[in-house]
Amino acid sequence: MIAGALAFAASVAVACSSTSSSPLPADGLLPLGNWGGDSSAMIVSDTAMHLHIGCTYGDVSGRIALNADGTFDLAGSYMLRAYPVAVGPSVPARFVGRLVGSTLTVSAIVNDTVQHTTVTRGPVSITLGASPRLLPCPICRRPILTLSPRSSATQ
């Protein structure tokens, strides 16, 4: 199953490898803000990324650094049984994606340690500033906490 997940991640990378004229953000980081799409949403802050795909969600700590081609592959945690009542635990996951312009294609490859399987959520396409469409599942409404340019200069 892990081989299948790795093959899937490779196929996402190949599928997303089209040439883009869109430059990456100057700081090389995934832009802060709310992202939305069909059955998917993401909140990116200075301290974390929170991703919803359908009625499930996952988290990555810290800012998301992008590779030179706009891709990332990061470890985090995922809640597969989140709606209508969250039934844990959160389990290990890898988040793989690629930013092209203001659209991100992302997948979560989840190591379901409860059911002893690998579960893939996505790929989904989400756009910075777009409203999420997650019916019937609600998206968390976490505030985006960012450092002001003045406060980051003094730290």
N, C-alpha and C. Protein backbone atom coordinates (compact mmCIF):
# COMPACT_ATOMS: atom_id res chain seq x y z
N MET A 1 0.81 -1.20 0.00
CA MET A 1 0.00 0.00 0.00
C MET A 1 0.85 1.26 0.00
N ILE A 2 1.99 1.20 0.68
CA ILE A 2 2.87 2.35 0.69
C ILE A 2 3.42 2.57 -0.72
N ALA A 3 3.74 1.48 -1.43
CA ALA A 3 4.22 1.61 -2.80
C ALA A 3 3.16 2.27 -3.67
N GLY A 4 1.89 1.93 -3.45
CA GLY A 4 0.79 2.56 -4.20
C GLY A 4 0.71 4.04 -3.91
N ALA A 5 0.88 4.40 -2.64
CA ALA A 5 0.83 5.82 -2.26
C ALA A 5 1.99 6.58 -2.89
N LEU A 6 3.18 5.97 -2.91
CA LEU A 6 4.32 6.63 -3.53
C LEU A 6 4.12 6.77 -5.03
N ALA A 7 3.55 5.74 -5.65
CA ALA A 7 3.26 5.83 -7.09
C ALA A 7 2.25 6.93 -7.36
N PHE A 8 1.26 7.06 -6.47
CA PHE A 8 0.27 8.13 -6.64
C PHE A 8 0.92 9.49 -6.52
N ALA A 9 1.79 9.65 -5.52
CA ALA A 9 2.47 10.93 -5.33
C ALA A 9 3.31 11.27 -6.57
N ALA A 10 3.97 10.26 -7.14
CA ALA A 10 4.75 10.49 -8.35
C ALA A 10 3.85 10.89 -9.50
N SER A 11 2.68 10.25 -9.61
CA SER A 11 1.77 10.60 -10.71
C SER A 11 1.23 12.02 -10.54
N VAL A 12 0.99 12.45 -9.29
CA VAL A 12 0.55 13.83 -9.06
C VAL A 12 1.66 14.79 -9.49
N ALA A 13 2.89 14.46 -9.16
CA ALA A 13 4.00 15.33 -9.54
C ALA A 13 4.13 15.42 -11.05
N VAL A 14 3.99 14.29 -11.75
CA VAL A 14 4.08 14.31 -13.21
C VAL A 14 2.90 15.06 -13.80
N ALA A 15 1.69 14.80 -13.29
CA ALA A 15 0.50 15.47 -13.81
C ALA A 15 0.56 16.97 -13.59
N CYS A 16 1.22 17.38 -12.54
CA CYS A 16 1.29 18.80 -12.22
C CYS A 16 2.55 19.46 -12.77
N SER A 17 3.31 18.75 -13.59
CA SER A 17 4.61 19.27 -14.01
C SER A 17 4.56 20.12 -15.27
N SER A 18 3.39 20.57 -15.67
CA SER A 18 3.32 21.42 -16.85
C SER A 18 4.06 22.73 -16.60
N THR A 19 4.63 23.26 -17.65
CA THR A 19 5.37 24.50 -17.54
C THR A 19 4.42 25.65 -17.29
N SER A 20 4.80 26.51 -16.40
CA SER A 20 3.96 27.66 -16.07
C SER A 20 4.76 28.93 -16.20
N SER A 21 4.10 29.97 -16.68
CA SER A 21 4.76 31.27 -16.74
C SER A 21 4.55 32.05 -15.46
N SER A 22 3.80 31.47 -14.51
CA SER A 22 3.51 32.14 -13.26
C SER A 22 4.71 32.04 -12.33
N PRO A 23 5.25 33.16 -11.88
CA PRO A 23 6.37 33.10 -10.96
C PRO A 23 5.92 32.64 -9.58
N LEU A 24 6.85 32.06 -8.86
CA LEU A 24 6.57 31.68 -7.48
C LEU A 24 6.57 32.94 -6.62
N PRO A 25 5.93 32.87 -5.44
CA PRO A 25 6.01 34.01 -4.53
C PRO A 25 7.47 34.36 -4.25
N ALA A 26 7.75 35.64 -4.11
CA ALA A 26 9.13 36.11 -3.92
C ALA A 26 9.80 35.48 -2.71
N ASP A 27 9.01 35.21 -1.64
CA ASP A 27 9.60 34.63 -0.45
C ASP A 27 9.72 33.11 -0.52
N GLY A 28 9.22 32.48 -1.60
CA GLY A 28 9.31 31.03 -1.76
C GLY A 28 8.37 30.25 -0.86
N LEU A 29 7.40 30.93 -0.26
CA LEU A 29 6.47 30.29 0.67
C LEU A 29 5.06 30.29 0.10
N LEU A 30 4.27 29.29 0.48
CA LEU A 30 2.87 29.24 0.09
C LEU A 30 2.17 30.47 0.66
N PRO A 31 1.45 31.24 -0.17
CA PRO A 31 0.83 32.48 0.31
C PRO A 31 -0.16 32.27 1.46
N LEU A 32 -0.16 33.22 2.38
CA LEU A 32 -1.07 33.22 3.52
C LEU A 32 -2.48 33.53 3.04
N GLY A 33 -3.48 32.92 3.72
CA GLY A 33 -4.87 33.27 3.43
C GLY A 33 -5.77 32.05 3.37
N ASN A 34 -6.99 32.31 2.92
CA ASN A 34 -7.99 31.26 2.76
C ASN A 34 -8.03 30.82 1.31
N TRP A 35 -8.10 29.52 1.09
CA TRP A 35 -8.11 28.92 -0.23
C TRP A 35 -9.40 28.10 -0.33
N GLY A 36 -10.04 28.08 -1.50
CA GLY A 36 -11.27 27.31 -1.64
C GLY A 36 -11.37 26.62 -2.98
N GLY A 37 -12.22 25.58 -3.00
CA GLY A 37 -12.49 24.82 -4.20
C GLY A 37 -13.66 23.91 -3.96
N ASP A 38 -13.94 23.02 -4.93
CA ASP A 38 -15.03 22.06 -4.78
C ASP A 38 -14.62 21.00 -3.77
N SER A 39 -15.44 20.83 -2.72
CA SER A 39 -15.20 19.85 -1.66
C SER A 39 -13.83 20.00 -1.02
N SER A 40 -13.30 21.22 -1.00
CA SER A 40 -11.98 21.41 -0.43
C SER A 40 -11.77 22.86 0.00
N ALA A 41 -10.92 23.02 1.00
CA ALA A 41 -10.58 24.35 1.50
C ALA A 41 -9.28 24.25 2.29
N MET A 42 -8.60 25.38 2.39
CA MET A 42 -7.36 25.40 3.14
C MET A 42 -7.19 26.77 3.77
N ILE A 43 -6.61 26.77 4.95
CA ILE A 43 -6.26 27.99 5.66
C ILE A 43 -4.76 27.94 5.89
N VAL A 44 -4.05 28.98 5.43
CA VAL A 44 -2.61 29.05 5.60
C VAL A 44 -2.31 30.26 6.47
N SER A 45 -1.59 30.03 7.56
CA SER A 45 -1.21 31.12 8.46
C SER A 45 0.31 31.11 8.62
N ASP A 46 0.81 32.03 9.45
CA ASP A 46 2.25 32.07 9.74
C ASP A 46 2.72 30.81 10.46
N THR A 47 1.81 30.13 11.12
CA THR A 47 2.23 29.02 11.98
C THR A 47 1.75 27.64 11.53
N ALA A 48 0.83 27.57 10.56
CA ALA A 48 0.28 26.25 10.20
C ALA A 48 -0.50 26.31 8.90
N MET A 49 -0.74 25.13 8.35
CA MET A 49 -1.65 24.94 7.23
C MET A 49 -2.74 23.97 7.70
N HIS A 50 -3.99 24.29 7.40
CA HIS A 50 -5.13 23.45 7.78
C HIS A 50 -5.91 23.17 6.51
N LEU A 51 -6.00 21.90 6.10
CA LEU A 51 -6.61 21.50 4.84
C LEU A 51 -7.84 20.64 5.06
N HIS A 52 -8.95 21.02 4.40
CA HIS A 52 -10.16 20.19 4.39
C HIS A 52 -10.32 19.58 3.01
N ILE A 53 -10.55 18.29 2.95
CA ILE A 53 -10.96 17.63 1.72
C ILE A 53 -12.20 16.82 2.08
N GLY A 54 -13.33 17.22 1.52
CA GLY A 54 -14.59 16.59 1.91
C GLY A 54 -14.82 16.78 3.39
N CYS A 55 -15.22 15.73 4.04
CA CYS A 55 -15.53 15.78 5.47
C CYS A 55 -14.35 15.30 6.32
N THR A 56 -13.13 15.53 5.84
CA THR A 56 -11.92 15.16 6.55
C THR A 56 -11.01 16.38 6.59
N TYR A 57 -9.99 16.34 7.45
CA TYR A 57 -9.06 17.48 7.48
C TYR A 57 -7.71 17.07 8.01
N GLY A 58 -6.71 17.90 7.67
CA GLY A 58 -5.35 17.63 8.11
C GLY A 58 -4.62 18.93 8.42
N ASP A 59 -3.49 18.78 9.08
CA ASP A 59 -2.71 19.92 9.53
C ASP A 59 -1.22 19.69 9.32
N VAL A 60 -0.53 20.78 9.01
CA VAL A 60 0.93 20.81 8.93
C VAL A 60 1.37 22.01 9.76
N SER A 61 2.40 21.82 10.58
CA SER A 61 2.93 22.92 11.38
C SER A 61 3.91 23.74 10.56
N GLY A 62 3.93 25.04 10.84
CA GLY A 62 4.88 25.94 10.21
C GLY A 62 4.44 26.42 8.84
N ARG A 63 5.23 27.30 8.26
CA ARG A 63 4.99 27.81 6.91
C ARG A 63 5.37 26.74 5.89
N ILE A 64 4.75 26.80 4.73
CA ILE A 64 4.99 25.82 3.68
C ILE A 64 5.99 26.41 2.68
N ALA A 65 7.20 25.86 2.67
CA ALA A 65 8.22 26.29 1.71
C ALA A 65 8.02 25.53 0.42
N LEU A 66 8.11 26.25 -0.70
CA LEU A 66 7.93 25.66 -2.02
C LEU A 66 9.29 25.36 -2.65
N ASN A 67 9.37 24.24 -3.36
CA ASN A 67 10.56 23.94 -4.16
C ASN A 67 10.58 24.89 -5.36
N ALA A 68 11.68 24.90 -6.10
CA ALA A 68 11.84 25.81 -7.24
C ALA A 68 10.75 25.63 -8.29
N ASP A 69 10.16 24.43 -8.38
CA ASP A 69 9.10 24.17 -9.36
C ASP A 69 7.70 24.37 -8.78
N GLY A 70 7.62 24.92 -7.57
CA GLY A 70 6.32 25.19 -6.94
C GLY A 70 5.73 24.01 -6.20
N THR A 71 6.46 22.93 -6.03
CA THR A 71 5.95 21.75 -5.35
C THR A 71 6.34 21.73 -3.88
N PHE A 72 5.64 20.89 -3.12
CA PHE A 72 6.02 20.60 -1.74
C PHE A 72 5.61 19.18 -1.40
N ASP A 73 6.24 18.61 -0.40
CA ASP A 73 5.94 17.27 0.11
C ASP A 73 6.30 17.33 1.59
N LEU A 74 5.26 17.37 2.45
CA LEU A 74 5.48 17.60 3.88
C LEU A 74 4.74 16.60 4.75
N ALA A 75 5.28 16.35 5.92
CA ALA A 75 4.62 15.49 6.89
C ALA A 75 3.67 16.31 7.76
N GLY A 76 2.59 15.68 8.17
CA GLY A 76 1.62 16.31 9.05
C GLY A 76 0.72 15.25 9.67
N SER A 77 -0.47 15.66 10.06
CA SER A 77 -1.43 14.73 10.65
C SER A 77 -2.78 14.91 9.95
N TYR A 78 -3.62 13.87 10.05
CA TYR A 78 -4.90 13.90 9.34
C TYR A 78 -5.98 13.23 10.17
N MET A 79 -7.19 13.80 10.11
CA MET A 79 -8.36 13.25 10.79
C MET A 79 -9.31 12.71 9.72
N LEU A 80 -9.32 11.38 9.55
CA LEU A 80 -10.16 10.76 8.53
C LEU A 80 -11.63 10.69 8.92
N ARG A 81 -11.90 10.58 10.19
CA ARG A 81 -13.28 10.44 10.66
C ARG A 81 -13.65 11.72 11.42
N ALA A 82 -14.00 12.76 10.63
CA ALA A 82 -14.17 14.08 11.22
C ALA A 82 -15.60 14.59 11.23
N TYR A 83 -16.52 13.96 10.52
CA TYR A 83 -17.87 14.51 10.40
C TYR A 83 -18.89 13.39 10.44
N PRO A 84 -19.98 13.52 11.14
CA PRO A 84 -20.49 14.70 11.83
C PRO A 84 -19.88 14.92 13.21
N VAL A 85 -19.20 13.91 13.74
CA VAL A 85 -18.51 14.04 15.02
C VAL A 85 -17.09 13.52 14.82
N ALA A 86 -16.11 14.30 15.22
CA ALA A 86 -14.72 13.87 15.07
C ALA A 86 -14.45 12.67 15.98
N VAL A 87 -13.97 11.60 15.36
CA VAL A 87 -13.60 10.39 16.07
C VAL A 87 -12.15 10.12 15.73
N GLY A 88 -11.27 10.41 16.67
CA GLY A 88 -9.83 10.31 16.42
C GLY A 88 -9.36 8.89 16.37
N PRO A 89 -8.12 8.77 16.33
CA PRO A 89 -7.11 9.80 16.50
C PRO A 89 -6.72 10.43 15.17
N SER A 90 -5.98 11.55 15.26
CA SER A 90 -5.30 12.06 14.07
C SER A 90 -4.19 11.08 13.75
N VAL A 91 -3.97 10.84 12.47
CA VAL A 91 -2.96 9.86 12.06
C VAL A 91 -1.93 10.53 11.16
N PRO A 92 -0.76 9.92 10.99
CA PRO A 92 0.29 10.52 10.17
C PRO A 92 -0.15 10.65 8.71
N ALA A 93 0.33 11.72 8.07
CA ALA A 93 0.01 11.94 6.66
C ALA A 93 1.14 12.70 5.98
N ARG A 94 1.19 12.58 4.65
CA ARG A 94 2.07 13.38 3.81
C ARG A 94 1.17 14.25 2.95
N PHE A 95 1.55 15.49 2.79
CA PHE A 95 0.81 16.43 1.96
C PHE A 95 1.71 16.77 0.77
N VAL A 96 1.21 16.50 -0.44
CA VAL A 96 1.97 16.79 -1.64
C VAL A 96 1.16 17.74 -2.51
N GLY A 97 1.84 18.72 -3.09
CA GLY A 97 1.10 19.66 -3.91
C GLY A 97 1.99 20.46 -4.82
N ARG A 98 1.32 21.27 -5.66
CA ARG A 98 2.04 22.15 -6.58
C ARG A 98 1.23 23.42 -6.78
N LEU A 99 1.90 24.55 -6.63
CA LEU A 99 1.31 25.86 -6.83
C LEU A 99 1.62 26.35 -8.24
N VAL A 100 0.57 26.75 -8.96
CA VAL A 100 0.71 27.37 -10.27
C VAL A 100 -0.15 28.63 -10.23
N GLY A 101 0.49 29.79 -10.24
CA GLY A 101 -0.25 31.04 -10.11
C GLY A 101 -0.91 31.10 -8.74
N SER A 102 -2.22 31.27 -8.71
CA SER A 102 -2.94 31.31 -7.43
C SER A 102 -3.75 30.04 -7.19
N THR A 103 -3.44 28.97 -7.96
CA THR A 103 -4.14 27.70 -7.79
C THR A 103 -3.17 26.63 -7.30
N LEU A 104 -3.61 25.90 -6.29
CA LEU A 104 -2.81 24.83 -5.70
C LEU A 104 -3.52 23.51 -5.94
N THR A 105 -2.78 22.52 -6.44
CA THR A 105 -3.28 21.15 -6.51
C THR A 105 -2.61 20.40 -5.38
N VAL A 106 -3.42 19.77 -4.52
CA VAL A 106 -2.87 19.14 -3.32
C VAL A 106 -3.57 17.81 -3.04
N SER A 107 -2.81 16.88 -2.46
CA SER A 107 -3.32 15.59 -2.01
C SER A 107 -2.79 15.30 -0.62
N ALA A 108 -3.54 14.51 0.12
CA ALA A 108 -3.08 14.02 1.42
C ALA A 108 -2.99 12.50 1.32
N ILE A 109 -1.82 11.95 1.62
CA ILE A 109 -1.61 10.51 1.63
C ILE A 109 -1.52 10.12 3.10
N VAL A 110 -2.55 9.43 3.56
CA VAL A 110 -2.76 9.23 4.98
C VAL A 110 -2.42 7.79 5.38
N ASN A 111 -1.61 7.65 6.42
CA ASN A 111 -1.30 6.35 7.00
C ASN A 111 -2.35 6.08 8.08
N ASP A 112 -3.43 5.40 7.69
CA ASP A 112 -4.52 5.12 8.63
C ASP A 112 -4.07 4.00 9.56
N THR A 113 -3.50 4.39 10.70
CA THR A 113 -3.00 3.42 11.66
C THR A 113 -4.12 2.71 12.41
N VAL A 114 -5.34 3.20 12.29
CA VAL A 114 -6.50 2.54 12.91
C VAL A 114 -6.96 1.35 12.06
N GLN A 115 -7.15 1.59 10.75
CA GLN A 115 -7.61 0.55 9.83
C GLN A 115 -6.45 -0.18 9.14
N HIS A 116 -5.22 0.24 9.41
CA HIS A 116 -4.01 -0.36 8.83
C HIS A 116 -4.04 -0.33 7.30
N THR A 117 -4.35 0.85 6.75
CA THR A 117 -4.37 1.05 5.30
C THR A 117 -3.78 2.42 4.99
N THR A 118 -3.50 2.63 3.72
CA THR A 118 -3.11 3.94 3.24
C THR A 118 -4.29 4.52 2.49
N VAL A 119 -4.68 5.71 2.85
CA VAL A 119 -5.84 6.39 2.25
C VAL A 119 -5.34 7.66 1.58
N THR A 120 -5.78 7.88 0.35
CA THR A 120 -5.41 9.11 -0.36
C THR A 120 -6.64 9.98 -0.51
N ARG A 121 -6.52 11.23 -0.11
CA ARG A 121 -7.57 12.24 -0.30
C ARG A 121 -7.03 13.24 -1.32
N GLY A 122 -7.76 13.40 -2.40
CA GLY A 122 -7.34 14.29 -3.46
C GLY A 122 -6.86 13.51 -4.66
N PRO A 123 -6.29 14.18 -5.65
CA PRO A 123 -5.93 15.59 -5.62
C PRO A 123 -7.15 16.49 -5.77
N VAL A 124 -7.05 17.66 -5.14
CA VAL A 124 -8.06 18.71 -5.28
C VAL A 124 -7.35 19.98 -5.71
N SER A 125 -8.10 20.84 -6.38
CA SER A 125 -7.57 22.14 -6.79
C SER A 125 -8.26 23.21 -5.96
N ILE A 126 -7.46 24.07 -5.35
CA ILE A 126 -7.99 25.16 -4.54
C ILE A 126 -7.32 26.46 -4.98
N THR A 127 -8.07 27.54 -4.85
CA THR A 127 -7.59 28.83 -5.32
C THR A 127 -7.56 29.83 -4.17
N LEU A 128 -6.48 30.59 -4.09
CA LEU A 128 -6.32 31.60 -3.06
C LEU A 128 -7.44 32.63 -3.17
N GLY A 129 -8.14 32.85 -2.07
CA GLY A 129 -9.22 33.84 -2.01
C GLY A 129 -10.58 33.34 -2.46
N ALA A 130 -10.66 32.13 -3.01
CA ALA A 130 -11.95 31.58 -3.46
C ALA A 130 -12.72 31.01 -2.27
N SER A 131 -14.04 31.03 -2.36
CA SER A 131 -14.89 30.47 -1.31
C SER A 131 -14.92 28.95 -1.43
N PRO A 132 -14.78 28.27 -0.30
CA PRO A 132 -14.87 26.80 -0.33
C PRO A 132 -16.31 26.35 -0.52
N ARG A 133 -16.46 25.21 -1.18
CA ARG A 133 -17.77 24.59 -1.37
C ARG A 133 -17.72 23.19 -0.77
N LEU A 134 -18.04 23.10 0.53
CA LEU A 134 -17.87 21.86 1.28
C LEU A 134 -19.16 21.23 1.77
N LEU A 135 -20.28 21.52 1.15
CA LEU A 135 -21.54 20.96 1.63
C LEU A 135 -21.49 19.46 1.63
N PRO A 136 -21.99 18.77 2.65
CA PRO A 136 -22.62 19.28 3.86
C PRO A 136 -21.63 19.53 5.00
N CYS A 137 -20.35 19.37 4.73
CA CYS A 137 -19.36 19.46 5.80
C CYS A 137 -18.89 20.90 6.00
N PRO A 138 -18.92 21.38 7.22
CA PRO A 138 -18.46 22.75 7.47
C PRO A 138 -16.94 22.82 7.49
N ILE A 139 -16.41 23.95 7.09
CA ILE A 139 -14.97 24.18 7.23
C ILE A 139 -14.74 24.90 8.55
N CYS A 140 -13.62 24.59 9.15
CA CYS A 140 -13.24 25.32 10.36
C CYS A 140 -13.08 26.79 10.00
N ARG A 141 -13.41 27.64 10.89
CA ARG A 141 -13.24 29.08 10.69
C ARG A 141 -12.15 29.56 11.64
N ARG A 142 -10.92 29.15 11.35
CA ARG A 142 -9.79 29.58 12.17
C ARG A 142 -9.32 30.93 11.69
N PRO A 143 -8.96 31.81 12.60
CA PRO A 143 -8.44 33.12 12.17
C PRO A 143 -7.06 32.95 11.53
N ILE A 144 -6.77 33.78 10.57
CA ILE A 144 -5.44 33.81 9.98
C ILE A 144 -4.60 34.75 10.82
N LEU A 145 -3.63 34.21 11.50
CA LEU A 145 -2.76 35.00 12.35
C LEU A 145 -1.45 35.22 11.61
N THR A 146 -1.16 36.45 11.30
CA THR A 146 0.08 36.75 10.61
C THR A 146 0.83 37.81 11.37
N LEU A 147 2.11 37.80 11.17
CA LEU A 147 2.96 38.81 11.78
C LEU A 147 2.90 40.05 10.90
N SER A 148 2.76 41.18 11.51
CA SER A 148 2.80 42.42 10.73
C SER A 148 4.25 42.64 10.31
N PRO A 149 4.48 43.35 9.20
CA PRO A 149 5.86 43.61 8.77
C PRO A 149 6.68 44.29 9.86
N ARG A 150 6.04 45.16 10.62
CA ARG A 150 6.75 45.87 11.71
C ARG A 150 7.14 44.90 12.82
N SER A 151 6.21 44.01 13.23
CA SER A 151 6.53 43.12 14.35
C SER A 151 7.54 42.07 13.94
N SER A 152 7.53 41.62 12.66
CA SER A 152 8.53 40.62 12.24
C SER A 152 9.90 41.24 12.13
N ALA A 153 9.99 42.53 11.86
CA ALA A 153 11.28 43.20 11.76
C ALA A 153 11.93 43.35 13.14
N THR A 154 11.11 43.37 14.18
CA THR A 154 11.64 43.57 15.52
C THR A 154 11.95 42.26 16.23
N GLN A 155 11.62 41.15 15.58
CA GLN A 155 11.86 39.86 16.25
C GLN A 155 13.19 39.28 15.91
